[in-house]
mmCIF file of all heavy atoms, coordinates in Angstrom:
data_MODEL
# 
_entry.id   MODEL 
# 
loop_
_atom_site.group_PDB 
_atom_site.id 
_atom_site.type_symbol 
_atom_site.label_atom_id 
_atom_site.label_alt_id 
_atom_site.label_comp_id 
_atom_site.label_asym_id 
_atom_site.label_entity_id 
_atom_site.label_seq_id 
_atom_site.pdbx_PDB_ins_code 
_atom_site.Cartn_x 
_atom_site.Cartn_y 
_atom_site.Cartn_z 
_atom_site.occupancy 
_atom_site.B_iso_or_equiv 
_atom_site.pdbx_formal_charge 
_atom_site.auth_seq_id 
_atom_site.auth_comp_id 
_atom_site.auth_asym_id 
_atom_site.auth_atom_id 
_atom_site.pdbx_PDB_model_num 
ATOM 1   N N   . GLY A 1 1  ? 2.593  -4.955 8.755   1.00 0.00 ? 1  GLY A N   1 
ATOM 2   C CA  . GLY A 1 1  ? 2.641  -3.913 9.769   1.00 0.00 ? 1  GLY A CA  1 
ATOM 3   C C   . GLY A 1 1  ? 3.288  -2.667 9.199   1.00 0.00 ? 1  GLY A C   1 
ATOM 4   O O   . GLY A 1 1  ? 4.250  -2.759 8.433   1.00 0.00 ? 1  GLY A O   1 
ATOM 5   N N   . GLY A 1 2  ? 2.766  -1.501 9.557   1.00 0.00 ? 2  GLY A N   1 
ATOM 6   C CA  . GLY A 1 2  ? 3.329  -0.257 9.043   1.00 0.00 ? 2  GLY A CA  1 
ATOM 7   C C   . GLY A 1 2  ? 3.358  0.829  10.087  1.00 0.00 ? 2  GLY A C   1 
ATOM 8   O O   . GLY A 1 2  ? 2.520  0.863  11.002  1.00 0.00 ? 2  GLY A O   1 
ATOM 9   N N   . VAL A 1 3  ? 4.321  1.737  9.950   1.00 0.00 ? 3  VAL A N   1 
ATOM 10  C CA  . VAL A 1 3  ? 4.460  2.897  10.827  1.00 0.00 ? 3  VAL A CA  1 
ATOM 11  C C   . VAL A 1 3  ? 4.682  4.129  9.957   1.00 0.00 ? 3  VAL A C   1 
ATOM 12  O O   . VAL A 1 3  ? 5.469  4.084  9.004   1.00 0.00 ? 3  VAL A O   1 
ATOM 13  C CB  . VAL A 1 3  ? 5.646  2.731  11.801  1.00 0.00 ? 3  VAL A CB  1 
ATOM 14  C CG1 . VAL A 1 3  ? 5.882  4.010  12.593  1.00 0.00 ? 3  VAL A CG1 1 
ATOM 15  C CG2 . VAL A 1 3  ? 5.420  1.574  12.747  1.00 0.00 ? 3  VAL A CG2 1 
ATOM 16  N N   . SER A 1 4  ? 3.981  5.222  10.288  1.00 0.00 ? 4  SER A N   1 
ATOM 17  C CA  . SER A 1 4  ? 4.172  6.498  9.606   1.00 0.00 ? 4  SER A CA  1 
ATOM 18  C C   . SER A 1 4  ? 3.888  6.351  8.109   1.00 0.00 ? 4  SER A C   1 
ATOM 19  O O   . SER A 1 4  ? 2.804  5.909  7.725   1.00 0.00 ? 4  SER A O   1 
ATOM 20  C CB  . SER A 1 4  ? 5.587  7.025  9.883   1.00 0.00 ? 4  SER A CB  1 
ATOM 21  O OG  . SER A 1 4  ? 5.698  8.383  9.530   1.00 0.00 ? 4  SER A OG  1 
ATOM 22  N N   . THR A 1 5  ? 4.852  6.679  7.242   1.00 0.00 ? 5  THR A N   1 
ATOM 23  C CA  . THR A 1 5  ? 4.592  6.489  5.812   1.00 0.00 ? 5  THR A CA  1 
ATOM 24  C C   . THR A 1 5  ? 4.376  5.017  5.497   1.00 0.00 ? 5  THR A C   1 
ATOM 25  O O   . THR A 1 5  ? 3.647  4.663  4.569   1.00 0.00 ? 5  THR A O   1 
ATOM 26  C CB  . THR A 1 5  ? 5.751  7.077  4.969   1.00 0.00 ? 5  THR A CB  1 
ATOM 27  O OG1 . THR A 1 5  ? 5.332  7.248  3.620   1.00 0.00 ? 5  THR A OG1 1 
ATOM 28  C CG2 . THR A 1 5  ? 6.990  6.192  4.991   1.00 0.00 ? 5  THR A CG2 1 
ATOM 29  N N   . GLY A 1 6  ? 4.987  4.136  6.301   1.00 0.00 ? 6  GLY A N   1 
ATOM 30  C CA  . GLY A 1 6  ? 4.749  2.700  6.138   1.00 0.00 ? 6  GLY A CA  1 
ATOM 31  C C   . GLY A 1 6  ? 3.308  2.321  6.408   1.00 0.00 ? 6  GLY A C   1 
ATOM 32  O O   . GLY A 1 6  ? 2.775  1.374  5.819   1.00 0.00 ? 6  GLY A O   1 
ATOM 33  N N   . ALA A 1 7  ? 2.643  3.063  7.321   1.00 0.00 ? 7  ALA A N   1 
ATOM 34  C CA  . ALA A 1 7  ? 1.227  2.825  7.583   1.00 0.00 ? 7  ALA A CA  1 
ATOM 35  C C   . ALA A 1 7  ? 0.387  3.169  6.365   1.00 0.00 ? 7  ALA A C   1 
ATOM 36  O O   . ALA A 1 7  ? -0.613 2.502  6.072   1.00 0.00 ? 7  ALA A O   1 
ATOM 37  C CB  . ALA A 1 7  ? 0.774  3.641  8.796   1.00 0.00 ? 7  ALA A CB  1 
ATOM 38  N N   . LEU A 1 8  ? 0.784  4.225  5.638   1.00 0.00 ? 8  LEU A N   1 
ATOM 39  C CA  . LEU A 1 8  ? 0.050  4.612  4.435   1.00 0.00 ? 8  LEU A CA  1 
ATOM 40  C C   . LEU A 1 8  ? 0.227  3.590  3.316   1.00 0.00 ? 8  LEU A C   1 
ATOM 41  O O   . LEU A 1 8  ? -0.641 3.430  2.462   1.00 0.00 ? 8  LEU A O   1 
ATOM 42  C CB  . LEU A 1 8  ? 0.498  5.999  3.973   1.00 0.00 ? 8  LEU A CB  1 
ATOM 43  C CG  . LEU A 1 8  ? 0.370  7.131  5.004   1.00 0.00 ? 8  LEU A CG  1 
ATOM 44  C CD1 . LEU A 1 8  ? 0.796  8.466  4.401   1.00 0.00 ? 8  LEU A CD1 1 
ATOM 45  C CD2 . LEU A 1 8  ? -1.056 7.217  5.542   1.00 0.00 ? 8  LEU A CD2 1 
ATOM 46  N N   . LEU A 1 9  ? 1.364  2.898  3.319   1.00 0.00 ? 9  LEU A N   1 
ATOM 47  C CA  . LEU A 1 9  ? 1.621  1.853  2.332   1.00 0.00 ? 9  LEU A CA  1 
ATOM 48  C C   . LEU A 1 9  ? 0.913  0.545  2.669   1.00 0.00 ? 9  LEU A C   1 
ATOM 49  O O   . LEU A 1 9  ? 0.600  -0.262 1.781   1.00 0.00 ? 9  LEU A O   1 
ATOM 50  C CB  . LEU A 1 9  ? 3.128  1.567  2.260   1.00 0.00 ? 9  LEU A CB  1 
ATOM 51  C CG  . LEU A 1 9  ? 4.053  2.618  1.649   1.00 0.00 ? 9  LEU A CG  1 
ATOM 52  C CD1 . LEU A 1 9  ? 5.498  2.330  2.047   1.00 0.00 ? 9  LEU A CD1 1 
ATOM 53  C CD2 . LEU A 1 9  ? 3.922  2.623  0.136   1.00 0.00 ? 9  LEU A CD2 1 
ATOM 54  N N   . ALA A 1 10 ? 0.678  0.306  3.955   1.00 0.00 ? 10 ALA A N   1 
ATOM 55  C CA  . ALA A 1 10 ? 0.387  -1.044 4.447   1.00 0.00 ? 10 ALA A CA  1 
ATOM 56  C C   . ALA A 1 10 ? -0.903 -1.645 3.899   1.00 0.00 ? 10 ALA A C   1 
ATOM 57  O O   . ALA A 1 10 ? -0.943 -2.838 3.563   1.00 0.00 ? 10 ALA A O   1 
ATOM 58  C CB  . ALA A 1 10 ? 0.347  -1.033 5.980   1.00 0.00 ? 10 ALA A CB  1 
ATOM 59  N N   . THR A 1 11 ? -1.977 -0.856 3.812   1.00 0.00 ? 11 THR A N   1 
ATOM 60  C CA  . THR A 1 11 ? -3.263 -1.404 3.380   1.00 0.00 ? 11 THR A CA  1 
ATOM 61  C C   . THR A 1 11 ? -3.168 -2.014 1.993   1.00 0.00 ? 11 THR A C   1 
ATOM 62  O O   . THR A 1 11 ? -3.562 -3.167 1.761   1.00 0.00 ? 11 THR A O   1 
ATOM 63  C CB  . THR A 1 11 ? -4.355 -0.320 3.405   1.00 0.00 ? 11 THR A CB  1 
ATOM 64  O OG1 . THR A 1 11 ? -4.533 0.143  4.745   1.00 0.00 ? 11 THR A OG1 1 
ATOM 65  C CG2 . THR A 1 11 ? -5.675 -0.866 2.875   1.00 0.00 ? 11 THR A CG2 1 
ATOM 66  N N   . HIS A 1 12 ? -2.627 -1.249 1.056   1.00 0.00 ? 12 HIS A N   1 
ATOM 67  C CA  . HIS A 1 12 ? -2.570 -1.728 -0.324  1.00 0.00 ? 12 HIS A CA  1 
ATOM 68  C C   . HIS A 1 12 ? -1.479 -2.775 -0.503  1.00 0.00 ? 12 HIS A C   1 
ATOM 69  O O   . HIS A 1 12 ? -1.557 -3.613 -1.413  1.00 0.00 ? 12 HIS A O   1 
ATOM 70  C CB  . HIS A 1 12 ? -2.405 -0.553 -1.277  1.00 0.00 ? 12 HIS A CB  1 
ATOM 71  C CG  . HIS A 1 12 ? -3.580 0.392  -1.261  1.00 0.00 ? 12 HIS A CG  1 
ATOM 72  N ND1 . HIS A 1 12 ? -4.830 0.016  -1.704  1.00 0.00 ? 12 HIS A ND1 1 
ATOM 73  C CD2 . HIS A 1 12 ? -3.709 1.660  -0.808  1.00 0.00 ? 12 HIS A CD2 1 
ATOM 74  C CE1 . HIS A 1 12 ? -5.681 1.024  -1.546  1.00 0.00 ? 12 HIS A CE1 1 
ATOM 75  N NE2 . HIS A 1 12 ? -5.025 2.026  -1.002  1.00 0.00 ? 12 HIS A NE2 1 
ATOM 76  N N   . ALA A 1 13 ? -0.481 -2.776 0.383   1.00 0.00 ? 13 ALA A N   1 
ATOM 77  C CA  . ALA A 1 13 ? 0.511  -3.860 0.362   1.00 0.00 ? 13 ALA A CA  1 
ATOM 78  C C   . ALA A 1 13 ? -0.141 -5.177 0.756   1.00 0.00 ? 13 ALA A C   1 
ATOM 79  O O   . ALA A 1 13 ? 0.154  -6.228 0.177   1.00 0.00 ? 13 ALA A O   1 
ATOM 80  C CB  . ALA A 1 13 ? 1.669  -3.539 1.301   1.00 0.00 ? 13 ALA A CB  1 
ATOM 81  N N   . LEU A 1 14 ? -1.032 -5.146 1.757   1.00 0.00 ? 14 LEU A N   1 
ATOM 82  C CA  . LEU A 1 14 ? -1.736 -6.358 2.160   1.00 0.00 ? 14 LEU A CA  1 
ATOM 83  C C   . LEU A 1 14 ? -2.651 -6.850 1.047   1.00 0.00 ? 14 LEU A C   1 
ATOM 84  O O   . LEU A 1 14 ? -2.672 -8.047 0.734   1.00 0.00 ? 14 LEU A O   1 
ATOM 85  C CB  . LEU A 1 14 ? -2.565 -6.093 3.418   1.00 0.00 ? 14 LEU A CB  1 
ATOM 86  C CG  . LEU A 1 14 ? -3.423 -7.281 3.877   1.00 0.00 ? 14 LEU A CG  1 
ATOM 87  C CD1 . LEU A 1 14 ? -2.585 -8.270 4.679   1.00 0.00 ? 14 LEU A CD1 1 
ATOM 88  C CD2 . LEU A 1 14 ? -4.619 -6.807 4.714   1.00 0.00 ? 14 LEU A CD2 1 
ATOM 89  N N   . LEU A 1 15 ? -3.399 -5.939 0.432   1.00 0.00 ? 15 LEU A N   1 
ATOM 90  C CA  . LEU A 1 15 ? -4.371 -6.339 -0.585  1.00 0.00 ? 15 LEU A CA  1 
ATOM 91  C C   . LEU A 1 15 ? -3.669 -6.848 -1.844  1.00 0.00 ? 15 LEU A C   1 
ATOM 92  O O   . LEU A 1 15 ? -4.096 -7.828 -2.447  1.00 0.00 ? 15 LEU A O   1 
ATOM 93  C CB  . LEU A 1 15 ? -5.316 -5.179 -0.887  1.00 0.00 ? 15 LEU A CB  1 
ATOM 94  C CG  . LEU A 1 15 ? -6.150 -4.729 0.337   1.00 0.00 ? 15 LEU A CG  1 
ATOM 95  C CD1 . LEU A 1 15 ? -6.986 -3.507 0.000   1.00 0.00 ? 15 LEU A CD1 1 
ATOM 96  C CD2 . LEU A 1 15 ? -7.034 -5.862 0.847   1.00 0.00 ? 15 LEU A CD2 1 
ATOM 97  N N   . GLY A 1 16 ? -2.624 -6.153 -2.266  1.00 0.00 ? 16 GLY A N   1 
ATOM 98  C CA  . GLY A 1 16 ? -1.635 -6.727 -3.163  1.00 0.00 ? 16 GLY A CA  1 
ATOM 99  C C   . GLY A 1 16 ? -1.985 -6.971 -4.618  1.00 0.00 ? 16 GLY A C   1 
ATOM 100 O O   . GLY A 1 16 ? -1.259 -7.692 -5.302  1.00 0.00 ? 16 GLY A O   1 
ATOM 101 N N   . THR A 1 17 ? -3.050 -6.381 -5.143  1.00 0.00 ? 17 THR A N   1 
ATOM 102 C CA  . THR A 1 17 ? -3.369 -6.574 -6.553  1.00 0.00 ? 17 THR A CA  1 
ATOM 103 C C   . THR A 1 17 ? -2.642 -5.530 -7.401  1.00 0.00 ? 17 THR A C   1 
ATOM 104 O O   . THR A 1 17 ? -2.163 -4.513 -6.884  1.00 0.00 ? 17 THR A O   1 
ATOM 105 C CB  . THR A 1 17 ? -4.879 -6.448 -6.797  1.00 0.00 ? 17 THR A CB  1 
ATOM 106 O OG1 . THR A 1 17 ? -5.267 -5.076 -6.568  1.00 0.00 ? 17 THR A OG1 1 
ATOM 107 C CG2 . THR A 1 17 ? -5.665 -7.362 -5.879  1.00 0.00 ? 17 THR A CG2 1 
ATOM 108 N N   . PRO A 1 18 ? -2.562 -5.728 -8.720  1.00 0.00 ? 18 PRO A N   1 
ATOM 109 C CA  . PRO A 1 18 ? -1.983 -4.682 -9.576  1.00 0.00 ? 18 PRO A CA  1 
ATOM 110 C C   . PRO A 1 18 ? -2.698 -3.339 -9.427  1.00 0.00 ? 18 PRO A C   1 
ATOM 111 O O   . PRO A 1 18 ? -2.060 -2.283 -9.497  1.00 0.00 ? 18 PRO A O   1 
ATOM 112 C CB  . PRO A 1 18 ? -2.153 -5.260 -10.986 1.00 0.00 ? 18 PRO A CB  1 
ATOM 113 C CG  . PRO A 1 18 ? -2.098 -6.747 -10.781 1.00 0.00 ? 18 PRO A CG  1 
ATOM 114 C CD  . PRO A 1 18 ? -2.812 -6.980 -9.474  1.00 0.00 ? 18 PRO A CD  1 
ATOM 115 N N   . ALA A 1 19 ? -4.005 -3.357 -9.189  1.00 0.00 ? 19 ALA A N   1 
ATOM 116 C CA  . ALA A 1 19 ? -4.738 -2.104 -8.978  1.00 0.00 ? 19 ALA A CA  1 
ATOM 117 C C   . ALA A 1 19 ? -4.283 -1.415 -7.696  1.00 0.00 ? 19 ALA A C   1 
ATOM 118 O O   . ALA A 1 19 ? -4.184 -0.178 -7.646  1.00 0.00 ? 19 ALA A O   1 
ATOM 119 C CB  . ALA A 1 19 ? -6.242 -2.380 -8.935  1.00 0.00 ? 19 ALA A CB  1 
ATOM 120 N N   . ASP A 1 20 ? -3.985 -2.202 -6.659  1.00 0.00 ? 20 ASP A N   1 
ATOM 121 C CA  . ASP A 1 20 ? -3.472 -1.620 -5.416  1.00 0.00 ? 20 ASP A CA  1 
ATOM 122 C C   . ASP A 1 20 ? -2.078 -1.047 -5.630  1.00 0.00 ? 20 ASP A C   1 
ATOM 123 O O   . ASP A 1 20 ? -1.740 0.012  -5.082  1.00 0.00 ? 20 ASP A O   1 
ATOM 124 C CB  . ASP A 1 20 ? -3.451 -2.675 -4.311  1.00 0.00 ? 20 ASP A CB  1 
ATOM 125 C CG  . ASP A 1 20 ? -4.841 -3.064 -3.867  1.00 0.00 ? 20 ASP A CG  1 
ATOM 126 O OD1 . ASP A 1 20 ? -5.544 -2.207 -3.306  1.00 0.00 ? 20 ASP A OD1 1 
ATOM 127 O OD2 . ASP A 1 20 ? -5.228 -4.219 -4.092  1.00 0.00 ? 20 ASP A OD2 1 
ATOM 128 N N   . ASP A 1 21 ? -1.267 -1.739 -6.415  1.00 0.00 ? 21 ASP A N   1 
ATOM 129 C CA  . ASP A 1 21 ? 0.063  -1.213 -6.730  1.00 0.00 ? 21 ASP A CA  1 
ATOM 130 C C   . ASP A 1 21 ? -0.036 0.111  -7.467  1.00 0.00 ? 21 ASP A C   1 
ATOM 131 O O   . ASP A 1 21 ? 0.764  1.034  -7.238  1.00 0.00 ? 21 ASP A O   1 
ATOM 132 C CB  . ASP A 1 21 ? 0.836  -2.223 -7.582  1.00 0.00 ? 21 ASP A CB  1 
ATOM 133 C CG  . ASP A 1 21 ? 1.298  -3.429 -6.778  1.00 0.00 ? 21 ASP A CG  1 
ATOM 134 O OD1 . ASP A 1 21 ? 1.169  -3.407 -5.537  1.00 0.00 ? 21 ASP A OD1 1 
ATOM 135 O OD2 . ASP A 1 21 ? 1.788  -4.394 -7.389  1.00 0.00 ? 21 ASP A OD2 1 
ATOM 136 N N   . ALA A 1 22 ? -1.015 0.222  -8.369  1.00 0.00 ? 22 ALA A N   1 
ATOM 137 C CA  . ALA A 1 22 ? -1.199 1.479  -9.111  1.00 0.00 ? 22 ALA A CA  1 
ATOM 138 C C   . ALA A 1 22 ? -1.549 2.624  -8.157  1.00 0.00 ? 22 ALA A C   1 
ATOM 139 O O   . ALA A 1 22 ? -1.109 3.766  -8.350  1.00 0.00 ? 22 ALA A O   1 
ATOM 140 C CB  . ALA A 1 22 ? -2.291 1.307  -10.164 1.00 0.00 ? 22 ALA A CB  1 
ATOM 141 N N   . LYS A 1 23 ? -2.312 2.319  -7.121  1.00 0.00 ? 23 LYS A N   1 
ATOM 142 C CA  . LYS A 1 23 ? -2.643 3.352  -6.132  1.00 0.00 ? 23 LYS A CA  1 
ATOM 143 C C   . LYS A 1 23 ? -1.401 3.778  -5.362  1.00 0.00 ? 23 LYS A C   1 
ATOM 144 O O   . LYS A 1 23 ? -1.211 4.966  -5.077  1.00 0.00 ? 23 LYS A O   1 
ATOM 145 C CB  . LYS A 1 23 ? -3.723 2.828  -5.180  1.00 0.00 ? 23 LYS A CB  1 
ATOM 146 C CG  . LYS A 1 23 ? -5.082 2.655  -5.850  1.00 0.00 ? 23 LYS A CG  1 
ATOM 147 C CD  . LYS A 1 23 ? -6.100 2.060  -4.894  1.00 0.00 ? 23 LYS A CD  1 
ATOM 148 C CE  . LYS A 1 23 ? -7.438 1.869  -5.601  1.00 0.00 ? 23 LYS A CE  1 
ATOM 149 N NZ  . LYS A 1 23 ? -8.449 1.231  -4.717  1.00 0.00 ? 23 LYS A NZ  1 
ATOM 150 N N   . LEU A 1 24 ? -0.536 2.816  -5.029  1.00 0.00 ? 24 LEU A N   1 
ATOM 151 C CA  . LEU A 1 24 ? 0.702  3.164  -4.334  1.00 0.00 ? 24 LEU A CA  1 
ATOM 152 C C   . LEU A 1 24 ? 1.583  4.047  -5.207  1.00 0.00 ? 24 LEU A C   1 
ATOM 153 O O   . LEU A 1 24 ? 2.189  5.009  -4.721  1.00 0.00 ? 24 LEU A O   1 
ATOM 154 C CB  . LEU A 1 24 ? 1.455  1.894  -3.938  1.00 0.00 ? 24 LEU A CB  1 
ATOM 155 C CG  . LEU A 1 24 ? 0.815  1.030  -2.852  1.00 0.00 ? 24 LEU A CG  1 
ATOM 156 C CD1 . LEU A 1 24 ? 1.671  -0.200 -2.585  1.00 0.00 ? 24 LEU A CD1 1 
ATOM 157 C CD2 . LEU A 1 24 ? 0.620  1.817  -1.564  1.00 0.00 ? 24 LEU A CD2 1 
ATOM 158 N N   . GLU A 1 25 ? 1.669  3.722  -6.487  1.00 0.00 ? 25 GLU A N   1 
ATOM 159 C CA  . GLU A 1 25 ? 2.482  4.543  -7.389  1.00 0.00 ? 25 GLU A CA  1 
ATOM 160 C C   . GLU A 1 25 ? 1.915  5.958  -7.478  1.00 0.00 ? 25 GLU A C   1 
ATOM 161 O O   . GLU A 1 25 ? 2.664  6.944  -7.461  1.00 0.00 ? 25 GLU A O   1 
ATOM 162 C CB  . GLU A 1 25 ? 2.544  3.906  -8.774  1.00 0.00 ? 25 GLU A CB  1 
ATOM 163 C CG  . GLU A 1 25 ? 3.421  4.697  -9.740  1.00 0.00 ? 25 GLU A CG  1 
ATOM 164 C CD  . GLU A 1 25 ? 3.734  3.956  -11.027 1.00 0.00 ? 25 GLU A CD  1 
ATOM 165 O OE1 . GLU A 1 25 ? 3.164  2.857  -11.245 1.00 0.00 ? 25 GLU A OE1 1 
ATOM 166 O OE2 . GLU A 1 25 ? 4.547  4.474  -11.824 1.00 0.00 ? 25 GLU A OE2 1 
ATOM 167 N N   . GLU A 1 26 ? 0.607  6.080  -7.554  1.00 0.00 ? 26 GLU A N   1 
ATOM 168 C CA  . GLU A 1 26 ? -0.006 7.410  -7.603  1.00 0.00 ? 26 GLU A CA  1 
ATOM 169 C C   . GLU A 1 26 ? 0.263  8.184  -6.312  1.00 0.00 ? 26 GLU A C   1 
ATOM 170 O O   . GLU A 1 26 ? 0.605  9.377  -6.346  1.00 0.00 ? 26 GLU A O   1 
ATOM 171 C CB  . GLU A 1 26 ? -1.513 7.282  -7.826  1.00 0.00 ? 26 GLU A CB  1 
ATOM 172 C CG  . GLU A 1 26 ? -2.224 8.635  -7.904  1.00 0.00 ? 26 GLU A CG  1 
ATOM 173 C CD  . GLU A 1 26 ? -3.719 8.507  -8.106  1.00 0.00 ? 26 GLU A CD  1 
ATOM 174 O OE1 . GLU A 1 26 ? -4.209 7.394  -8.373  1.00 0.00 ? 26 GLU A OE1 1 
ATOM 175 O OE2 . GLU A 1 26 ? -4.422 9.546  -7.993  1.00 0.00 ? 26 GLU A OE2 1 
# 
């Protein structure tokens, strides 16, 4: 679950692959 900036994090946190982590870092 995410709210505000947490909502922007939430999708790739759920998917959870190293590629998703790279998107979060970017």
